[in-house]
């Protein structure tokens, strides 16, 4: 994938100056990940932040009893691992590719040099605040919304409000992303199918025409 176009499509890097984008391209290191391959584990030494070029990356933490708690499901153009730039030297979460994926590594030392420029630094701080708001909303959803609501929030946030979707990750991974057991998600999908709201066959998922407008969110 063309790294310049990827930066233009990224919510954060889109606002960077042409000079900053050129500097970012110069430090990017491409890496290809196989399906289910681990990029880094919680507690690993943090050497880089990452930009997802294509595929899907799952960020998760592991509880003392071994349960994996999904923090976020990342799609193309999103950055992650940025906490190692300032807060700590080790990754606070683990990252795993759910499908064949490609990422760009932005080495910590080189990225620190880019942050010397005030405009670039201000853009980056703004992005961090946006991500912080997302995580706060995620905590609210997991604690206050039922499984059905979490499922539709997942669709909207990850893929937009559409009638037809191509879901390239497994139902088990979707269940993990909305903090539900796979059996619970299966029952929900059967219910939504019987109601005529959602049909999910293979990678093709369809939502009843007019559904999103009826929700009015």
N, C-alpha and C. Protein backbone atom coordinates (compact mmCIF):
# COMPACT_ATOMS: atom_id res chain seq x y z
N UNK A 1 0.84 -1.19 0.00
CA UNK A 1 0.00 0.00 0.00
C UNK A 1 0.88 1.24 0.00
N UNK A 2 0.47 2.27 -0.73
CA UNK A 2 1.21 3.52 -0.81
C UNK A 2 1.14 4.22 0.54
N UNK A 3 2.29 4.42 1.20
CA UNK A 3 2.32 4.99 2.52
C UNK A 3 1.85 6.45 2.52
N UNK A 4 2.12 7.17 1.44
CA UNK A 4 1.67 8.56 1.36
C UNK A 4 0.15 8.65 1.38
N UNK A 5 -0.52 7.79 0.60
CA UNK A 5 -1.99 7.80 0.58
C UNK A 5 -2.54 7.35 1.93
N UNK A 6 -1.87 6.40 2.56
CA UNK A 6 -2.31 5.93 3.87
C UNK A 6 -2.26 7.06 4.89
N UNK A 7 -1.23 7.87 4.86
CA UNK A 7 -1.12 9.00 5.79
C UNK A 7 -2.22 10.02 5.53
N UNK A 8 -2.55 10.24 4.25
CA UNK A 8 -3.62 11.19 3.90
C UNK A 8 -4.97 10.72 4.43
N UNK A 9 -5.16 9.39 4.53
CA UNK A 9 -6.44 8.84 4.99
C UNK A 9 -6.51 8.67 6.50
N UNK A 10 -5.38 8.77 7.17
CA UNK A 10 -5.34 8.59 8.62
C UNK A 10 -5.92 9.82 9.32
N UNK A 11 -6.78 9.60 10.31
CA UNK A 11 -7.40 10.71 11.02
C UNK A 11 -6.36 11.64 11.64
N UNK A 12 -5.26 11.08 12.12
CA UNK A 12 -4.24 11.92 12.72
C UNK A 12 -3.31 12.51 11.68
N UNK A 13 -2.68 11.70 10.87
CA UNK A 13 -1.64 12.17 9.97
C UNK A 13 -2.18 13.01 8.82
N UNK A 14 -3.49 12.93 8.57
CA UNK A 14 -4.10 13.72 7.50
C UNK A 14 -3.81 15.21 7.69
N UNK A 15 -3.79 15.66 8.95
CA UNK A 15 -3.60 17.08 9.24
C UNK A 15 -2.14 17.50 9.27
N UNK A 16 -1.23 16.57 9.19
CA UNK A 16 0.19 16.90 9.23
C UNK A 16 0.61 17.64 7.96
N UNK A 17 1.62 18.48 8.08
CA UNK A 17 2.12 19.22 6.93
C UNK A 17 2.80 18.28 5.95
N UNK A 18 2.92 18.70 4.69
CA UNK A 18 3.63 17.87 3.71
C UNK A 18 5.05 17.51 4.18
N UNK A 19 5.72 18.45 4.83
CA UNK A 19 7.07 18.18 5.31
C UNK A 19 7.05 17.10 6.39
N UNK A 20 6.04 17.16 7.29
CA UNK A 20 5.94 16.16 8.35
C UNK A 20 5.63 14.78 7.77
N UNK A 21 4.73 14.74 6.78
CA UNK A 21 4.40 13.46 6.15
C UNK A 21 5.63 12.86 5.47
N UNK A 22 6.41 13.71 4.83
CA UNK A 22 7.62 13.23 4.18
C UNK A 22 8.58 12.64 5.21
N UNK A 23 8.65 13.29 6.38
CA UNK A 23 9.53 12.80 7.44
C UNK A 23 9.02 11.47 7.99
N UNK A 24 7.70 11.33 8.08
CA UNK A 24 7.11 10.08 8.58
C UNK A 24 7.41 8.94 7.61
N UNK A 25 7.22 9.20 6.32
CA UNK A 25 7.49 8.17 5.31
C UNK A 25 8.93 7.68 5.43
N UNK A 26 9.84 8.59 5.74
CA UNK A 26 11.26 8.24 5.80
C UNK A 26 11.59 7.29 6.93
N UNK A 27 10.77 7.27 8.00
CA UNK A 27 11.09 6.42 9.15
C UNK A 27 10.23 5.16 9.20
N UNK A 28 9.22 5.04 8.33
CA UNK A 28 8.31 3.89 8.38
C UNK A 28 9.00 2.60 7.93
N UNK A 29 8.75 1.54 8.66
CA UNK A 29 9.28 0.22 8.34
C UNK A 29 8.10 -0.74 8.16
N UNK A 30 7.90 -1.32 6.97
CA UNK A 30 6.75 -2.20 6.74
C UNK A 30 6.95 -3.57 7.38
N UNK A 31 5.84 -4.15 7.84
CA UNK A 31 5.87 -5.51 8.40
C UNK A 31 4.56 -6.19 8.06
N UNK A 32 4.66 -7.42 7.55
CA UNK A 32 3.48 -8.21 7.18
C UNK A 32 3.22 -9.24 8.28
N UNK A 33 1.95 -9.39 8.66
CA UNK A 33 1.55 -10.32 9.71
C UNK A 33 0.61 -11.37 9.15
N UNK A 34 0.82 -12.61 9.54
CA UNK A 34 -0.08 -13.68 9.16
C UNK A 34 -1.31 -13.66 10.06
N UNK A 35 -2.36 -14.34 9.66
CA UNK A 35 -3.56 -14.46 10.48
C UNK A 35 -3.23 -15.06 11.85
N UNK A 36 -3.68 -14.42 12.92
CA UNK A 36 -3.50 -14.81 14.31
C UNK A 36 -2.06 -14.59 14.81
N UNK A 37 -1.21 -13.94 14.00
CA UNK A 37 0.16 -13.68 14.45
C UNK A 37 0.18 -12.56 15.48
N UNK A 38 0.98 -12.73 16.52
CA UNK A 38 1.11 -11.72 17.56
C UNK A 38 2.17 -10.70 17.16
N UNK A 39 1.83 -9.43 17.24
CA UNK A 39 2.77 -8.36 16.93
C UNK A 39 3.63 -8.04 18.16
N UNK A 40 2.98 -7.89 19.31
CA UNK A 40 3.70 -7.73 20.57
C UNK A 40 2.79 -8.16 21.71
N UNK A 41 3.41 -8.48 22.84
CA UNK A 41 2.68 -8.92 24.02
C UNK A 41 2.74 -7.85 25.11
N UNK A 42 1.71 -7.83 25.93
CA UNK A 42 1.67 -6.94 27.08
C UNK A 42 2.94 -7.14 27.92
N UNK A 43 3.63 -6.03 28.18
CA UNK A 43 4.86 -6.11 28.95
C UNK A 43 6.12 -6.15 28.12
N UNK A 44 6.00 -6.37 26.80
CA UNK A 44 7.18 -6.35 25.93
C UNK A 44 7.78 -4.95 25.90
N UNK A 45 9.09 -4.86 25.71
CA UNK A 45 9.76 -3.58 25.59
C UNK A 45 9.23 -2.83 24.38
N UNK A 46 8.85 -1.58 24.57
CA UNK A 46 8.24 -0.79 23.51
C UNK A 46 9.27 -0.08 22.65
N UNK A 47 9.46 -0.54 21.44
CA UNK A 47 10.46 0.05 20.55
C UNK A 47 9.84 0.93 19.47
N UNK A 48 8.52 0.74 19.19
CA UNK A 48 7.88 1.46 18.09
C UNK A 48 6.41 1.67 18.38
N UNK A 49 5.83 2.69 17.74
CA UNK A 49 4.40 2.75 17.59
C UNK A 49 4.09 2.24 16.19
N UNK A 50 2.79 2.06 15.88
CA UNK A 50 2.44 1.38 14.64
C UNK A 50 1.30 2.09 13.92
N UNK A 51 1.30 1.96 12.61
CA UNK A 51 0.22 2.43 11.75
C UNK A 51 -0.28 1.22 10.98
N UNK A 52 -1.58 0.93 11.11
CA UNK A 52 -2.15 -0.22 10.42
C UNK A 52 -2.49 0.15 8.99
N UNK A 53 -1.88 -0.57 8.04
CA UNK A 53 -2.10 -0.29 6.62
C UNK A 53 -3.28 -1.07 6.07
N UNK A 54 -3.39 -2.34 6.43
CA UNK A 54 -4.51 -3.15 5.98
C UNK A 54 -4.68 -4.34 6.90
N UNK A 55 -5.92 -4.84 6.96
CA UNK A 55 -6.22 -5.96 7.85
C UNK A 55 -6.95 -5.52 9.09
N UNK A 56 -6.80 -6.28 10.17
CA UNK A 56 -7.47 -5.99 11.44
C UNK A 56 -6.56 -6.44 12.58
N UNK A 57 -6.37 -5.55 13.54
CA UNK A 57 -5.53 -5.83 14.70
C UNK A 57 -6.38 -5.74 15.96
N UNK A 58 -6.25 -6.73 16.81
CA UNK A 58 -6.98 -6.77 18.08
C UNK A 58 -6.02 -6.39 19.21
N UNK A 59 -6.39 -5.38 19.98
CA UNK A 59 -5.64 -5.02 21.18
C UNK A 59 -6.36 -5.62 22.38
N UNK A 60 -5.62 -6.30 23.25
CA UNK A 60 -6.26 -6.96 24.38
C UNK A 60 -5.32 -7.02 25.57
N UNK A 61 -5.92 -7.16 26.74
CA UNK A 61 -5.19 -7.39 27.98
C UNK A 61 -5.56 -8.76 28.52
N UNK A 62 -4.66 -9.35 29.27
CA UNK A 62 -4.89 -10.67 29.84
C UNK A 62 -5.03 -10.55 31.35
N UNK A 63 -6.18 -11.03 31.88
CA UNK A 63 -6.43 -10.94 33.31
C UNK A 63 -5.61 -12.00 34.05
N UNK A 64 -5.48 -11.89 35.38
CA UNK A 64 -4.71 -12.88 36.15
C UNK A 64 -5.18 -14.32 35.94
N UNK A 65 -6.48 -14.51 35.65
CA UNK A 65 -6.98 -15.87 35.45
C UNK A 65 -6.87 -16.34 33.99
N UNK A 66 -6.20 -15.53 33.15
CA UNK A 66 -5.95 -15.93 31.78
C UNK A 66 -6.99 -15.47 30.77
N UNK A 67 -8.01 -14.76 31.20
CA UNK A 67 -9.04 -14.29 30.27
C UNK A 67 -8.53 -13.10 29.47
N UNK A 68 -8.78 -13.13 28.16
CA UNK A 68 -8.40 -12.02 27.30
C UNK A 68 -9.55 -11.02 27.21
N UNK A 69 -9.24 -9.76 27.55
CA UNK A 69 -10.23 -8.69 27.50
C UNK A 69 -9.86 -7.77 26.35
N UNK A 70 -10.74 -7.70 25.35
CA UNK A 70 -10.46 -6.90 24.17
C UNK A 70 -10.62 -5.42 24.49
N UNK A 71 -9.59 -4.65 24.18
CA UNK A 71 -9.60 -3.21 24.41
C UNK A 71 -10.13 -2.48 23.19
N UNK A 72 -9.65 -2.89 22.02
CA UNK A 72 -10.10 -2.24 20.78
C UNK A 72 -9.79 -3.12 19.59
N UNK A 73 -10.64 -3.04 18.58
CA UNK A 73 -10.40 -3.68 17.30
C UNK A 73 -10.03 -2.59 16.31
N UNK A 74 -8.82 -2.66 15.77
CA UNK A 74 -8.30 -1.62 14.90
C UNK A 74 -8.50 -1.96 13.44
N UNK A 75 -8.79 -0.93 12.65
CA UNK A 75 -8.90 -1.07 11.21
C UNK A 75 -7.85 -0.20 10.53
N UNK A 76 -7.75 -0.32 9.21
CA UNK A 76 -6.72 0.40 8.45
C UNK A 76 -6.74 1.89 8.72
N UNK A 77 -5.59 2.50 8.77
CA UNK A 77 -5.27 3.92 8.98
C UNK A 77 -5.17 4.30 10.45
N UNK A 78 -5.47 3.38 11.38
CA UNK A 78 -5.38 3.71 12.79
C UNK A 78 -3.96 3.48 13.32
N UNK A 79 -3.57 4.30 14.31
CA UNK A 79 -2.27 4.11 14.93
C UNK A 79 -2.47 3.46 16.30
N UNK A 80 -1.44 2.80 16.80
CA UNK A 80 -1.51 2.17 18.12
C UNK A 80 -0.10 1.97 18.67
N UNK A 81 -0.03 1.70 19.96
CA UNK A 81 1.26 1.55 20.63
C UNK A 81 1.91 2.87 20.97
N UNK A 82 1.13 3.96 20.88
CA UNK A 82 1.73 5.28 21.07
C UNK A 82 2.09 5.59 22.52
N UNK A 83 1.54 4.83 23.47
CA UNK A 83 1.83 5.13 24.88
C UNK A 83 3.31 4.97 25.21
N UNK A 84 4.03 4.16 24.44
CA UNK A 84 5.45 3.95 24.74
C UNK A 84 6.28 5.19 24.41
N UNK A 85 5.69 6.17 23.73
CA UNK A 85 6.43 7.39 23.42
C UNK A 85 6.65 8.25 24.66
N UNK A 86 5.71 8.21 25.59
CA UNK A 86 5.77 9.10 26.74
C UNK A 86 5.59 8.39 28.08
N UNK A 87 4.53 7.59 28.17
CA UNK A 87 4.07 7.11 29.47
C UNK A 87 4.92 5.99 30.04
N UNK A 88 5.32 5.05 29.22
CA UNK A 88 6.02 3.87 29.72
C UNK A 88 6.89 3.28 28.62
N UNK A 89 7.81 2.40 29.02
CA UNK A 89 8.72 1.78 28.06
C UNK A 89 8.24 0.42 27.58
N UNK A 90 7.14 -0.06 28.17
CA UNK A 90 6.63 -1.38 27.79
C UNK A 90 5.17 -1.26 27.33
N UNK A 91 4.79 -2.13 26.40
CA UNK A 91 3.43 -2.08 25.88
C UNK A 91 2.43 -2.47 26.96
N UNK A 92 1.37 -1.67 27.17
CA UNK A 92 0.38 -1.97 28.20
C UNK A 92 -0.66 -3.00 27.78
N UNK A 93 -0.67 -3.36 26.50
CA UNK A 93 -1.62 -4.33 25.96
C UNK A 93 -0.87 -5.26 24.99
N UNK A 94 -1.56 -6.29 24.54
CA UNK A 94 -1.04 -7.16 23.48
C UNK A 94 -1.73 -6.83 22.17
N UNK A 95 -1.06 -7.14 21.06
CA UNK A 95 -1.62 -6.88 19.73
C UNK A 95 -1.50 -8.12 18.87
N UNK A 96 -2.62 -8.50 18.23
CA UNK A 96 -2.67 -9.71 17.42
C UNK A 96 -3.42 -9.41 16.12
N UNK A 97 -2.90 -9.93 15.01
CA UNK A 97 -3.59 -9.79 13.73
C UNK A 97 -4.71 -10.82 13.65
N UNK A 98 -5.92 -10.38 13.37
CA UNK A 98 -7.05 -11.30 13.25
C UNK A 98 -7.16 -11.87 11.84
N UNK A 99 -6.63 -11.14 10.88
CA UNK A 99 -6.59 -11.57 9.48
C UNK A 99 -5.21 -11.19 8.95
N UNK A 100 -4.80 -11.70 7.78
CA UNK A 100 -3.52 -11.24 7.22
C UNK A 100 -3.48 -9.71 7.17
N UNK A 101 -2.45 -9.13 7.71
CA UNK A 101 -2.41 -7.68 7.89
C UNK A 101 -1.03 -7.13 7.56
N UNK A 102 -0.99 -5.83 7.35
CA UNK A 102 0.29 -5.13 7.17
C UNK A 102 0.30 -3.90 8.07
N UNK A 103 1.40 -3.70 8.75
CA UNK A 103 1.57 -2.53 9.60
C UNK A 103 2.86 -1.82 9.20
N UNK A 104 2.96 -0.56 9.60
CA UNK A 104 4.21 0.18 9.49
C UNK A 104 4.71 0.50 10.89
N UNK A 105 5.95 0.16 11.17
CA UNK A 105 6.57 0.51 12.43
C UNK A 105 7.11 1.93 12.33
N UNK A 106 6.85 2.73 13.37
CA UNK A 106 7.44 4.06 13.49
C UNK A 106 8.33 4.03 14.73
N UNK A 107 9.62 3.81 14.56
CA UNK A 107 10.52 3.64 15.70
C UNK A 107 10.46 4.81 16.67
N UNK A 108 10.51 4.50 17.95
CA UNK A 108 10.34 5.47 19.01
C UNK A 108 11.35 6.62 18.91
N UNK A 109 12.61 6.31 18.74
CA UNK A 109 13.64 7.35 18.73
C UNK A 109 13.45 8.32 17.57
N UNK A 110 13.16 7.78 16.39
CA UNK A 110 12.96 8.64 15.23
C UNK A 110 11.71 9.48 15.36
N UNK A 111 10.63 8.90 15.95
CA UNK A 111 9.38 9.65 16.08
C UNK A 111 9.55 10.79 17.08
N UNK A 112 10.35 10.59 18.12
CA UNK A 112 10.61 11.66 19.07
C UNK A 112 11.20 12.88 18.36
N UNK A 113 12.01 12.65 17.36
CA UNK A 113 12.60 13.76 16.61
C UNK A 113 11.52 14.57 15.90
N UNK A 114 10.47 13.90 15.40
CA UNK A 114 9.39 14.60 14.71
C UNK A 114 8.58 15.46 15.67
N UNK A 115 8.49 15.03 16.92
CA UNK A 115 7.68 15.76 17.91
C UNK A 115 8.31 17.08 18.33
N UNK A 116 9.53 17.33 17.91
CA UNK A 116 10.17 18.61 18.21
C UNK A 116 9.43 19.75 17.52
N UNK A 117 8.83 19.45 16.34
CA UNK A 117 8.10 20.46 15.59
C UNK A 117 6.75 20.72 16.26
N UNK A 118 6.46 21.97 16.60
CA UNK A 118 5.30 22.31 17.42
C UNK A 118 3.98 21.91 16.79
N UNK A 119 3.80 22.18 15.51
CA UNK A 119 2.53 21.84 14.86
C UNK A 119 2.29 20.34 14.86
N UNK A 120 3.31 19.58 14.57
CA UNK A 120 3.20 18.13 14.58
C UNK A 120 2.86 17.65 15.99
N UNK A 121 3.53 18.21 16.98
CA UNK A 121 3.30 17.81 18.37
C UNK A 121 1.86 18.12 18.80
N UNK A 122 1.34 19.27 18.42
CA UNK A 122 -0.04 19.63 18.79
C UNK A 122 -1.05 18.69 18.14
N UNK A 123 -0.82 18.32 16.88
CA UNK A 123 -1.70 17.38 16.21
C UNK A 123 -1.71 16.04 16.94
N UNK A 124 -0.55 15.61 17.35
CA UNK A 124 -0.43 14.32 18.02
C UNK A 124 -1.15 14.33 19.36
N UNK A 125 -1.03 15.41 20.11
CA UNK A 125 -1.71 15.52 21.40
C UNK A 125 -3.23 15.49 21.19
N UNK A 126 -3.70 16.15 20.14
CA UNK A 126 -5.14 16.14 19.84
C UNK A 126 -5.62 14.73 19.56
N UNK A 127 -4.83 13.95 18.83
CA UNK A 127 -5.19 12.57 18.53
C UNK A 127 -5.26 11.73 19.80
N UNK A 128 -4.31 11.95 20.71
CA UNK A 128 -4.31 11.20 21.96
C UNK A 128 -5.57 11.49 22.79
N UNK A 129 -6.00 12.75 22.79
CA UNK A 129 -7.21 13.10 23.53
C UNK A 129 -8.44 12.45 22.90
N UNK A 130 -8.49 12.39 21.57
CA UNK A 130 -9.59 11.73 20.89
C UNK A 130 -9.65 10.26 21.26
N UNK A 131 -8.49 9.61 21.29
CA UNK A 131 -8.44 8.20 21.64
C UNK A 131 -8.85 7.99 23.09
N UNK A 132 -8.49 8.91 23.96
CA UNK A 132 -8.88 8.80 25.37
C UNK A 132 -10.39 8.86 25.51
N UNK A 133 -11.04 9.73 24.73
CA UNK A 133 -12.50 9.81 24.77
C UNK A 133 -13.12 8.52 24.27
N UNK A 134 -12.53 7.93 23.23
CA UNK A 134 -13.04 6.65 22.73
C UNK A 134 -12.99 5.58 23.81
N UNK A 135 -11.88 5.48 24.53
CA UNK A 135 -11.74 4.46 25.56
C UNK A 135 -12.74 4.67 26.69
N UNK A 136 -13.00 5.94 27.02
CA UNK A 136 -13.99 6.22 28.05
C UNK A 136 -15.38 5.77 27.60
N UNK A 137 -15.70 6.01 26.32
CA UNK A 137 -16.98 5.56 25.78
C UNK A 137 -17.06 4.04 25.75
N UNK A 138 -15.92 3.39 25.45
CA UNK A 138 -15.89 1.94 25.41
C UNK A 138 -16.19 1.34 26.78
N UNK A 139 -15.63 1.93 27.82
CA UNK A 139 -15.89 1.46 29.19
C UNK A 139 -17.38 1.60 29.51
N UNK A 140 -17.97 2.72 29.11
CA UNK A 140 -19.40 2.93 29.35
C UNK A 140 -20.24 1.87 28.63
N UNK A 141 -19.91 1.60 27.38
CA UNK A 141 -20.68 0.64 26.60
C UNK A 141 -20.63 -0.75 27.22
N UNK A 142 -19.45 -1.16 27.62
CA UNK A 142 -19.30 -2.50 28.18
C UNK A 142 -20.02 -2.65 29.50
N UNK A 143 -20.17 -1.55 30.25
CA UNK A 143 -20.79 -1.63 31.57
C UNK A 143 -22.27 -1.32 31.56
N UNK A 144 -22.74 -0.54 30.58
CA UNK A 144 -24.11 -0.05 30.63
C UNK A 144 -25.03 -0.58 29.53
N UNK A 145 -24.48 -1.05 28.42
CA UNK A 145 -25.32 -1.47 27.30
C UNK A 145 -25.42 -2.98 27.22
N UNK A 146 -26.55 -3.47 26.72
CA UNK A 146 -26.70 -4.91 26.57
C UNK A 146 -25.97 -5.39 25.31
N UNK A 147 -25.93 -6.69 25.10
CA UNK A 147 -25.14 -7.28 24.02
C UNK A 147 -25.62 -6.78 22.65
N UNK A 148 -26.93 -6.67 22.48
CA UNK A 148 -27.45 -6.21 21.19
C UNK A 148 -26.97 -4.80 20.87
N UNK A 149 -27.05 -3.91 21.86
CA UNK A 149 -26.59 -2.54 21.64
C UNK A 149 -25.10 -2.50 21.36
N UNK A 150 -24.32 -3.31 22.07
CA UNK A 150 -22.87 -3.34 21.85
C UNK A 150 -22.55 -3.85 20.44
N UNK A 151 -23.34 -4.81 19.97
CA UNK A 151 -23.12 -5.35 18.63
C UNK A 151 -23.33 -4.28 17.56
N UNK A 152 -24.42 -3.51 17.68
CA UNK A 152 -24.68 -2.49 16.66
C UNK A 152 -23.71 -1.32 16.77
N UNK A 153 -23.25 -1.00 17.98
CA UNK A 153 -22.20 0.01 18.12
C UNK A 153 -20.92 -0.47 17.44
N UNK A 154 -20.62 -1.75 17.57
CA UNK A 154 -19.44 -2.33 16.93
C UNK A 154 -19.53 -2.18 15.40
N UNK A 155 -20.69 -2.51 14.83
CA UNK A 155 -20.86 -2.37 13.39
C UNK A 155 -20.69 -0.92 12.95
N UNK A 156 -21.36 -0.03 13.63
CA UNK A 156 -21.32 1.38 13.22
C UNK A 156 -19.93 1.97 13.36
N UNK A 157 -19.27 1.72 14.50
CA UNK A 157 -17.96 2.32 14.74
C UNK A 157 -16.89 1.73 13.83
N UNK A 158 -16.99 0.43 13.55
CA UNK A 158 -15.96 -0.22 12.76
C UNK A 158 -16.16 -0.16 11.26
N UNK A 159 -17.43 -0.08 10.83
CA UNK A 159 -17.70 -0.20 9.40
C UNK A 159 -18.66 0.87 8.87
N UNK A 160 -19.27 1.64 9.75
CA UNK A 160 -20.21 2.67 9.31
C UNK A 160 -21.64 2.15 9.27
N UNK A 161 -22.58 3.06 9.02
CA UNK A 161 -24.00 2.71 8.94
C UNK A 161 -24.32 2.34 7.49
N UNK A 162 -24.41 1.04 7.24
CA UNK A 162 -24.63 0.55 5.88
C UNK A 162 -25.67 -0.57 5.90
N UNK A 163 -26.07 -0.99 4.72
CA UNK A 163 -26.99 -2.12 4.61
C UNK A 163 -26.25 -3.42 4.30
N UNK A 164 -25.06 -3.31 3.72
CA UNK A 164 -24.28 -4.50 3.38
C UNK A 164 -22.86 -4.33 3.89
N UNK A 165 -22.35 -5.39 4.52
CA UNK A 165 -21.01 -5.37 5.10
C UNK A 165 -20.23 -6.60 4.65
N UNK A 166 -18.93 -6.46 4.63
CA UNK A 166 -18.04 -7.60 4.49
C UNK A 166 -17.24 -7.68 5.79
N UNK A 167 -17.54 -8.67 6.61
CA UNK A 167 -16.89 -8.84 7.90
C UNK A 167 -15.80 -9.89 7.74
N UNK A 168 -14.55 -9.46 7.78
CA UNK A 168 -13.45 -10.37 7.48
C UNK A 168 -12.84 -11.00 8.73
N UNK A 169 -13.49 -10.83 9.88
CA UNK A 169 -13.01 -11.48 11.10
C UNK A 169 -14.08 -12.48 11.56
N UNK A 170 -13.68 -13.40 12.39
CA UNK A 170 -14.59 -14.47 12.81
C UNK A 170 -15.64 -13.96 13.80
N UNK A 171 -16.73 -14.70 13.91
CA UNK A 171 -17.77 -14.36 14.89
C UNK A 171 -17.20 -14.43 16.31
N UNK A 172 -16.29 -15.34 16.54
CA UNK A 172 -15.66 -15.44 17.86
C UNK A 172 -14.90 -14.14 18.20
N UNK A 173 -14.21 -13.58 17.21
CA UNK A 173 -13.49 -12.33 17.43
C UNK A 173 -14.44 -11.16 17.62
N UNK A 174 -15.55 -11.18 16.90
CA UNK A 174 -16.57 -10.13 17.10
C UNK A 174 -17.13 -10.24 18.52
N UNK A 175 -17.41 -11.46 18.97
CA UNK A 175 -17.92 -11.65 20.33
C UNK A 175 -16.93 -11.09 21.35
N UNK A 176 -15.64 -11.36 21.15
CA UNK A 176 -14.64 -10.84 22.07
C UNK A 176 -14.61 -9.32 22.06
N UNK A 177 -14.80 -8.73 20.88
CA UNK A 177 -14.76 -7.27 20.76
C UNK A 177 -15.90 -6.59 21.49
N UNK A 178 -17.03 -7.28 21.65
CA UNK A 178 -18.18 -6.68 22.35
C UNK A 178 -18.36 -7.29 23.74
N UNK A 179 -17.33 -8.01 24.21
CA UNK A 179 -17.33 -8.60 25.54
C UNK A 179 -18.53 -9.53 25.74
N UNK A 180 -18.69 -10.45 24.80
CA UNK A 180 -19.78 -11.42 24.89
C UNK A 180 -19.23 -12.81 24.62
N UNK A 181 -19.87 -13.83 25.19
CA UNK A 181 -19.50 -15.19 24.87
C UNK A 181 -19.93 -15.51 23.44
N UNK A 182 -19.18 -16.36 22.72
CA UNK A 182 -19.59 -16.73 21.36
C UNK A 182 -21.01 -17.28 21.30
N UNK A 183 -21.40 -18.05 22.33
CA UNK A 183 -22.75 -18.61 22.36
C UNK A 183 -23.80 -17.52 22.50
N UNK A 184 -23.47 -16.47 23.26
CA UNK A 184 -24.39 -15.35 23.42
C UNK A 184 -24.57 -14.60 22.11
N UNK A 185 -23.47 -14.39 21.39
CA UNK A 185 -23.57 -13.72 20.09
C UNK A 185 -24.36 -14.57 19.11
N UNK A 186 -24.17 -15.90 19.13
CA UNK A 186 -24.91 -16.78 18.23
C UNK A 186 -26.41 -16.67 18.48
N UNK A 187 -26.79 -16.65 19.74
CA UNK A 187 -28.23 -16.52 20.07
C UNK A 187 -28.77 -15.17 19.61
N UNK A 188 -27.97 -14.13 19.77
CA UNK A 188 -28.39 -12.81 19.33
C UNK A 188 -28.59 -12.78 17.81
N UNK A 189 -27.65 -13.37 17.07
CA UNK A 189 -27.76 -13.37 15.62
C UNK A 189 -28.97 -14.16 15.13
N UNK A 190 -29.29 -15.26 15.81
CA UNK A 190 -30.50 -16.01 15.46
C UNK A 190 -31.74 -15.17 15.70
N UNK A 191 -31.77 -14.47 16.82
CA UNK A 191 -32.89 -13.59 17.14
C UNK A 191 -33.05 -12.49 16.09
N UNK A 192 -31.93 -11.84 15.73
CA UNK A 192 -31.97 -10.76 14.75
C UNK A 192 -32.35 -11.29 13.37
N UNK A 193 -31.93 -12.51 13.05
CA UNK A 193 -32.32 -13.11 11.77
C UNK A 193 -33.81 -13.39 11.73
N UNK A 194 -34.34 -13.95 12.83
CA UNK A 194 -35.77 -14.26 12.88
C UNK A 194 -36.61 -13.00 12.82
N UNK A 195 -36.08 -11.90 13.35
CA UNK A 195 -36.80 -10.62 13.30
C UNK A 195 -36.68 -9.95 11.93
N UNK A 196 -35.77 -10.46 11.09
CA UNK A 196 -35.56 -9.86 9.78
C UNK A 196 -34.66 -8.64 9.84
N UNK A 197 -33.87 -8.51 10.92
CA UNK A 197 -33.02 -7.33 11.09
C UNK A 197 -31.63 -7.53 10.51
N UNK A 198 -31.03 -8.68 10.79
CA UNK A 198 -29.65 -8.95 10.36
C UNK A 198 -29.56 -10.36 9.80
N UNK A 199 -28.81 -10.50 8.71
CA UNK A 199 -28.50 -11.81 8.14
C UNK A 199 -27.00 -11.88 7.94
N UNK A 200 -26.34 -12.89 8.51
CA UNK A 200 -24.89 -13.01 8.42
C UNK A 200 -24.53 -14.39 7.88
N UNK A 201 -24.05 -14.42 6.63
CA UNK A 201 -23.63 -15.66 5.97
C UNK A 201 -22.20 -15.50 5.49
N UNK A 202 -21.29 -16.31 6.03
CA UNK A 202 -19.88 -16.19 5.66
C UNK A 202 -19.35 -14.83 6.07
N UNK A 203 -18.79 -14.10 5.10
CA UNK A 203 -18.30 -12.75 5.38
C UNK A 203 -19.33 -11.68 5.06
N UNK A 204 -20.48 -12.08 4.50
CA UNK A 204 -21.50 -11.12 4.09
C UNK A 204 -22.53 -10.93 5.20
N UNK A 205 -22.68 -9.69 5.64
CA UNK A 205 -23.69 -9.34 6.65
C UNK A 205 -24.57 -8.25 6.08
N UNK A 206 -25.87 -8.45 6.15
CA UNK A 206 -26.82 -7.45 5.66
C UNK A 206 -27.72 -6.99 6.80
N UNK A 207 -28.05 -5.72 6.77
CA UNK A 207 -28.93 -5.11 7.77
C UNK A 207 -30.18 -4.62 7.05
N UNK A 208 -31.31 -4.82 7.68
CA UNK A 208 -32.59 -4.44 7.08
C UNK A 208 -32.59 -2.97 6.65
N UNK A 209 -33.10 -2.73 5.45
CA UNK A 209 -33.17 -1.38 4.91
C UNK A 209 -33.93 -0.46 5.86
N UNK A 210 -33.35 0.68 6.12
CA UNK A 210 -33.99 1.67 7.00
C UNK A 210 -33.68 1.49 8.48
N UNK A 211 -32.97 0.41 8.82
CA UNK A 211 -32.72 0.12 10.23
C UNK A 211 -31.96 1.24 10.92
N UNK A 212 -30.89 1.74 10.31
CA UNK A 212 -30.09 2.76 10.97
C UNK A 212 -30.86 4.06 11.14
N UNK A 213 -31.67 4.39 10.15
CA UNK A 213 -32.48 5.61 10.28
C UNK A 213 -33.49 5.48 11.43
N UNK A 214 -34.02 4.28 11.62
CA UNK A 214 -34.99 4.05 12.69
C UNK A 214 -34.34 4.19 14.06
N UNK A 215 -33.06 3.82 14.15
CA UNK A 215 -32.36 3.95 15.43
C UNK A 215 -32.19 5.41 15.82
N UNK A 216 -31.98 6.26 14.81
CA UNK A 216 -31.92 7.70 15.05
C UNK A 216 -30.77 8.15 15.91
N UNK A 217 -29.62 7.47 15.87
CA UNK A 217 -28.46 7.88 16.67
C UNK A 217 -27.58 8.84 15.90
